[in-house]
Amino acid sequence: MNDLSNSSDTAGVAAPVAPQQSATPSGAKEVIGGGIDRQDGLRDATDRKRHYLPKFFSGVRIHPTTVSIPPPVAAMGVQPVGQNVPVVTTTTVVLPLTDDQIAVGLHQSITNSVRWLATWCVRRLKQVHIVLKNVHGKLVRTKE
């Protein structure tokens, strides 16, 4: 039937590849190509011309650092703020309960309105990053 060893059809069979012969004798030193010659070596980067942005950046422009306030807004009392204006970081929180009343209110029943008011006061304190702590029997407000 089919005897593959006697097949004279060589389609699909690749011909053997002979190894390439090098131009240098076997005793010579081999050199990897692509090296940099001494004359074509590194150049100073200041010799190059400046590279400019592509055309699709042509609409980009630098805005002035100072913003002018329109006259109607200035008439309302708005003034420009500079970099030398001190930032006030002290926060004063006015609550309807004292710290002692908040501590007592947090231990009340959940159906009591004082409990809800004390919980609201604690929430307001958390919004400004202040926590009530019990230190040696006294309540003290501390920063988180």
Protein backbone atom coordinates (compact mmCIF):
# COMPACT_ATOMS: atom_id res chain seq x y z
CA MET A 1 0.00 0.00 0.00
CA ASN A 2 1.63 3.24 1.13
CA ASP A 3 5.30 2.87 1.66
CA LEU A 4 6.73 6.18 2.76
CA SER A 5 10.33 5.12 2.43
CA ASN A 6 9.98 4.54 -1.31
CA SER A 7 8.05 7.74 -1.91
CA SER A 8 9.60 9.87 -4.61
CA ASP A 9 7.36 12.86 -3.73
CA THR A 10 9.50 15.45 -1.88
CA ALA A 11 6.83 18.14 -1.55
CA GLY A 12 6.79 19.53 1.97
CA VAL A 13 10.32 18.35 2.74
CA ALA A 14 12.83 21.16 3.15
CA ALA A 15 16.26 20.91 1.62
CA PRO A 16 19.14 20.73 4.09
CA VAL A 17 20.81 24.07 4.85
CA ALA A 18 24.56 24.29 4.65
CA PRO A 19 26.30 26.35 7.39
CA GLN A 20 27.70 29.69 6.27
CA GLN A 21 31.42 29.95 5.87
CA SER A 22 33.05 32.85 7.65
CA ALA A 23 35.48 35.07 5.77
CA THR A 24 37.99 35.00 8.62
CA PRO A 25 40.32 32.10 9.17
CA SER A 26 39.61 29.95 12.20
CA GLY A 27 42.55 31.33 14.16
CA ALA A 28 41.58 35.00 13.69
CA LYS A 29 39.79 37.09 16.30
CA GLU A 30 36.03 37.44 15.75
CA VAL A 31 34.54 40.91 15.96
CA ILE A 32 30.88 41.75 16.46
CA GLY A 33 29.76 44.35 13.94
CA GLY A 34 27.93 47.57 14.70
CA GLY A 35 30.56 49.14 16.93
CA ILE A 36 31.18 52.87 17.24
CA ASP A 37 34.30 54.27 15.65
CA ARG A 38 36.36 56.69 17.66
CA GLN A 39 35.75 59.52 15.17
CA ASP A 40 31.97 58.94 15.04
CA GLY A 41 31.71 58.54 18.81
CA LEU A 42 29.65 60.49 21.28
CA ARG A 43 29.07 64.17 20.67
CA ASP A 44 28.16 66.95 23.04
CA ALA A 45 24.39 67.34 23.42
CA THR A 46 24.64 71.14 23.21
CA ASP A 47 25.54 70.86 19.51
CA ARG A 48 22.07 69.58 18.66
CA LYS A 49 19.26 71.89 17.65
CA ARG A 50 16.29 72.26 20.00
CA HIS A 51 13.47 69.86 19.37
CA TYR A 52 10.10 71.51 19.07
CA LEU A 53 6.71 70.05 19.89
CA PRO A 54 4.60 68.51 17.11
CA LYS A 55 1.91 70.55 15.39
CA PHE A 56 -0.95 69.10 17.44
CA PHE A 57 0.48 70.96 20.45
CA SER A 58 0.35 74.29 18.64
CA GLY A 59 -2.87 75.33 20.43
CA VAL A 60 -1.25 74.98 23.85
CA ARG A 61 -0.16 78.24 25.42
CA ILE A 62 1.08 79.41 28.77
CA HIS A 63 -1.47 81.29 30.84
CA PRO A 64 -0.40 84.20 33.05
CA THR A 65 0.22 83.40 36.69
CA THR A 66 -1.84 86.34 37.91
CA VAL A 67 -5.58 86.33 37.40
CA SER A 68 -7.35 89.62 36.98
CA ILE A 69 -10.61 89.94 38.88
CA PRO A 70 -13.51 91.33 36.82
CA PRO A 71 -14.87 94.72 37.99
CA PRO A 72 -18.33 93.41 39.06
CA VAL A 73 -16.70 90.79 41.27
CA ALA A 74 -14.24 93.30 42.70
CA ALA A 75 -17.20 95.57 43.49
CA MET A 76 -18.62 92.78 45.67
CA GLY A 77 -15.44 92.85 47.76
CA VAL A 78 -13.43 89.95 46.32
CA GLN A 79 -9.69 90.60 46.54
CA PRO A 80 -6.83 88.65 44.96
CA VAL A 81 -4.97 86.39 47.35
CA GLY A 82 -1.20 86.22 47.15
CA GLN A 83 1.22 83.55 48.26
CA ASN A 84 2.22 85.45 51.40
CA VAL A 85 -1.24 85.39 52.97
CA PRO A 86 -1.19 83.23 56.13
CA VAL A 87 -3.60 80.34 56.24
CA VAL A 88 -5.65 80.13 59.42
CA THR A 89 -5.74 76.54 60.63
CA THR A 90 -7.49 76.99 63.96
CA THR A 91 -11.03 75.71 63.93
CA THR A 92 -13.52 76.63 66.55
CA VAL A 93 -16.55 74.43 66.80
CA VAL A 94 -19.63 75.74 68.55
CA LEU A 95 -21.83 72.90 69.75
CA PRO A 96 -25.18 72.97 71.57
CA LEU A 97 -23.79 70.65 74.29
CA THR A 98 -20.69 70.79 76.44
CA ASP A 99 -18.16 67.98 76.31
CA ASP A 100 -19.46 66.53 79.60
CA GLN A 101 -23.05 66.59 78.32
CA ILE A 102 -21.93 64.80 75.15
CA ALA A 103 -20.28 62.05 77.21
CA VAL A 104 -23.42 61.59 79.33
CA GLY A 105 -25.68 61.75 76.27
CA LEU A 106 -23.77 58.97 74.48
CA HIS A 107 -24.67 56.60 77.35
CA GLN A 108 -28.42 57.34 77.17
CA SER A 109 -31.05 55.13 75.58
CA ILE A 110 -31.21 55.11 71.80
CA THR A 111 -34.76 56.47 71.92
CA ASN A 112 -33.68 59.53 73.92
CA SER A 113 -33.28 62.79 71.98
CA VAL A 114 -30.21 63.75 74.05
CA ARG A 115 -28.48 60.63 72.69
CA TRP A 116 -29.18 61.76 69.11
CA LEU A 117 -27.97 65.30 69.83
CA ALA A 118 -24.77 63.97 71.44
CA THR A 119 -24.18 61.68 68.44
CA TRP A 120 -24.64 64.65 66.11
CA CYS A 121 -22.11 66.66 68.15
CA VAL A 122 -19.55 63.84 67.90
CA ARG A 123 -20.12 63.73 64.14
CA ARG A 124 -19.51 67.49 63.84
CA LEU A 125 -16.29 67.13 65.83
CA LYS A 126 -15.12 64.32 63.53
CA GLN A 127 -15.74 66.53 60.49
CA VAL A 128 -13.11 68.97 61.76
CA HIS A 129 -10.81 66.12 62.87
CA ILE A 130 -11.32 66.53 66.61
CA VAL A 131 -11.86 63.62 69.00
CA LEU A 132 -13.10 63.63 72.58
CA LYS A 133 -10.82 61.60 74.85
CA ASN A 134 -11.21 60.78 78.52
CA VAL A 135 -7.87 61.59 80.18
CA HIS A 136 -7.72 61.00 83.97
CA GLY A 137 -11.48 61.54 84.35
CA LYS A 138 -11.60 64.72 82.25
CA LEU A 139 -12.75 65.03 78.63
CA VAL A 140 -10.16 66.59 76.35
CA ARG A 141 -10.50 67.58 72.68
CA THR A 142 -7.55 66.35 70.63
CA LYS A 143 -6.69 66.40 66.94
CA GLU A 144 -6.90 63.12 65.07
